[in-house]
Amino acid sequence: MDLFVEAGQQAIINVLAYIIFIGMALYALQGLRIEQLFKKGKTFQIQLFYIFMSIAIGSAVADFFLNFLDWSKTIPYIFG
């Protein structure tokens, strides 16, 4: 397979993984009552916290997933 095509496919997989896992983290964080930790009327700060936490958690999970995917591709090299 052409090197550029493979790099492009890997880039699409990486971008999609980050978007999906950040979205999943945002969805999961909305199940918590984080608003109780903030002062009343600080809606913007609460939303910003949700965004930053979902990016941090989603990025960590996406990194794990992508590393796991890369490592699983190298397993056949053990046997050959």
C-alpha atoms as a PDB file:
ATOM      1  CA  MET A   1       0.000   0.000   0.000  1.00  0.00           C
ATOM      2  CA  ASP A   2       1.199   3.486  -0.786  1.00  0.00           C
ATOM      3  CA  LEU A   3       2.871   5.185   2.182  1.00  0.00           C
ATOM      4  CA  PHE A   4       0.834   8.380   1.752  1.00  0.00           C
ATOM      5  CA  VAL A   5      -2.459   6.488   1.628  1.00  0.00           C
ATOM      6  CA  GLU A   6      -1.558   4.560   4.754  1.00  0.00           C
ATOM      7  CA  ALA A   7      -0.562   7.768   6.560  1.00  0.00           C
ATOM      8  CA  GLY A   8      -3.834   9.386   5.508  1.00  0.00           C
ATOM      9  CA  GLN A   9      -5.872   6.437   6.747  1.00  0.00           C
ATOM     10  CA  GLN A  10      -4.021   6.479  10.059  1.00  0.00           C
ATOM     11  CA  ALA A  11      -4.704  10.203  10.411  1.00  0.00           C
ATOM     12  CA  ILE A  12      -8.437   9.685   9.816  1.00  0.00           C
ATOM     13  CA  ILE A  13      -8.531   6.889  12.391  1.00  0.00           C
ATOM     14  CA  ASN A  14      -6.702   9.077  14.924  1.00  0.00           C
ATOM     15  CA  VAL A  15      -8.986  12.081  14.415  1.00  0.00           C
ATOM     16  CA  LEU A  16     -12.123   9.947  14.633  1.00  0.00           C
ATOM     17  CA  ALA A  17     -10.870   8.193  17.766  1.00  0.00           C
ATOM     18  CA  TYR A  18     -10.218  11.509  19.502  1.00  0.00           C
ATOM     19  CA  ILE A  19     -13.596  12.947  18.498  1.00  0.00           C
ATOM     20  CA  ILE A  20     -15.486   9.823  19.564  1.00  0.00           C
ATOM     21  CA  PHE A  21     -13.734   9.406  22.907  1.00  0.00           C
ATOM     22  CA  ILE A  22     -13.941  13.103  23.788  1.00  0.00           C
ATOM     23  CA  GLY A  23     -17.665  12.980  23.007  1.00  0.00           C
ATOM     24  CA  MET A  24     -18.080   9.869  25.135  1.00  0.00           C
ATOM     25  CA  ALA A  25     -16.203  11.511  28.017  1.00  0.00           C
ATOM     26  CA  LEU A  26     -18.416  14.593  27.770  1.00  0.00           C
ATOM     27  CA  TYR A  27     -21.500  12.392  27.837  1.00  0.00           C
ATOM     28  CA  ALA A  28     -20.197  10.491  30.854  1.00  0.00           C
ATOM     29  CA  LEU A  29     -19.247  13.665  32.747  1.00  0.00           C
ATOM     30  CA  GLN A  30     -22.759  15.032  32.330  1.00  0.00           C
ATOM     31  CA  GLY A  31     -23.937  12.256  34.641  1.00  0.00           C
ATOM     32  CA  LEU A  32     -22.053  13.876  37.538  1.00  0.00           C
ATOM     33  CA  ARG A  33     -23.267  16.773  39.663  1.00  0.00           C
ATOM     34  CA  ILE A  34     -20.186  18.912  39.251  1.00  0.00           C
ATOM     35  CA  GLU A  35     -22.301  22.065  39.516  1.00  0.00           C
ATOM     36  CA  GLN A  36     -22.323  21.638  43.297  1.00  0.00           C
ATOM     37  CA  LEU A  37     -18.579  22.324  43.410  1.00  0.00           C
ATOM     38  CA  PHE A  38     -18.965  25.727  41.763  1.00  0.00           C
ATOM     39  CA  LYS A  39     -20.469  28.973  43.009  1.00  0.00           C
ATOM     40  CA  LYS A  40     -24.022  29.724  41.937  1.00  0.00           C
ATOM     41  CA  GLY A  41     -24.367  31.502  38.609  1.00  0.00           C
ATOM     42  CA  LYS A  42     -21.009  30.328  37.238  1.00  0.00           C
ATOM     43  CA  THR A  43     -22.509  28.571  34.220  1.00  0.00           C
ATOM     44  CA  PHE A  44     -19.681  29.484  31.834  1.00  0.00           C
ATOM     45  CA  GLN A  45     -17.016  28.151  34.207  1.00  0.00           C
ATOM     46  CA  ILE A  46     -18.959  24.904  34.665  1.00  0.00           C
ATOM     47  CA  GLN A  47     -19.265  24.416  30.910  1.00  0.00           C
ATOM     48  CA  LEU A  48     -15.585  25.214  30.446  1.00  0.00           C
ATOM     49  CA  PHE A  49     -14.723  22.654  33.126  1.00  0.00           C
ATOM     50  CA  TYR A  50     -16.821  20.016  31.349  1.00  0.00           C
ATOM     51  CA  ILE A  51     -15.070  20.762  28.060  1.00  0.00           C
ATOM     52  CA  PHE A  52     -11.555  20.662  29.521  1.00  0.00           C
ATOM     53  CA  MET A  53     -12.200  17.513  31.529  1.00  0.00           C
ATOM     54  CA  SER A  54     -13.773  15.751  28.556  1.00  0.00           C
ATOM     55  CA  ILE A  55     -10.767  16.685  26.400  1.00  0.00           C
ATOM     56  CA  ALA A  56      -8.338  15.435  29.061  1.00  0.00           C
ATOM     57  CA  ILE A  57     -10.183  12.158  29.693  1.00  0.00           C
ATOM     58  CA  GLY A  58     -11.076  11.562  26.038  1.00  0.00           C
ATOM     59  CA  SER A  59      -7.514  12.217  24.887  1.00  0.00           C
ATOM     60  CA  ALA A  60      -6.110   9.799  27.457  1.00  0.00           C
ATOM     61  CA  VAL A  61      -8.559   7.078  26.420  1.00  0.00           C
ATOM     62  CA  ALA A  62      -7.931   7.739  22.708  1.00  0.00           C
ATOM     63  CA  ASP A  63      -4.163   7.534  23.294  1.00  0.00           C
ATOM     64  CA  PHE A  64      -4.631   4.199  25.049  1.00  0.00           C
ATOM     65  CA  PHE A  65      -6.891   2.905  22.272  1.00  0.00           C
ATOM     66  CA  LEU A  66      -4.550   4.027  19.476  1.00  0.00           C
ATOM     67  CA  ASN A  67      -1.478   2.625  21.238  1.00  0.00           C
ATOM     68  CA  PHE A  68      -3.284  -0.652  21.786  1.00  0.00           C
ATOM     69  CA  LEU A  69      -4.210  -0.721  18.097  1.00  0.00           C
ATOM     70  CA  ASP A  70      -0.588  -0.081  17.067  1.00  0.00           C
ATOM     71  CA  TRP A  71       0.746  -2.721  19.443  1.00  0.00           C
ATOM     72  CA  SER A  72      -1.739  -5.287  18.212  1.00  0.00           C
ATOM     73  CA  LYS A  73      -0.508  -4.709  14.657  1.00  0.00           C
ATOM     74  CA  THR A  74       3.025  -5.689  15.701  1.00  0.00           C
ATOM     75  CA  ILE A  75       2.070  -8.960  17.401  1.00  0.00           C
ATOM     76  CA  PRO A  76       2.476 -11.019  14.178  1.00  0.00           C
ATOM     77  CA  TYR A  77       6.162 -10.028  14.091  1.00  0.00           C
ATOM     78  CA  ILE A  78       6.744 -12.285  17.099  1.00  0.00           C
ATOM     79  CA  PHE A  79       6.111 -15.326  14.947  1.00  0.00           C
ATOM     80  CA  GLY A  80       7.931 -14.428  11.918  1.00  0.00           C
END
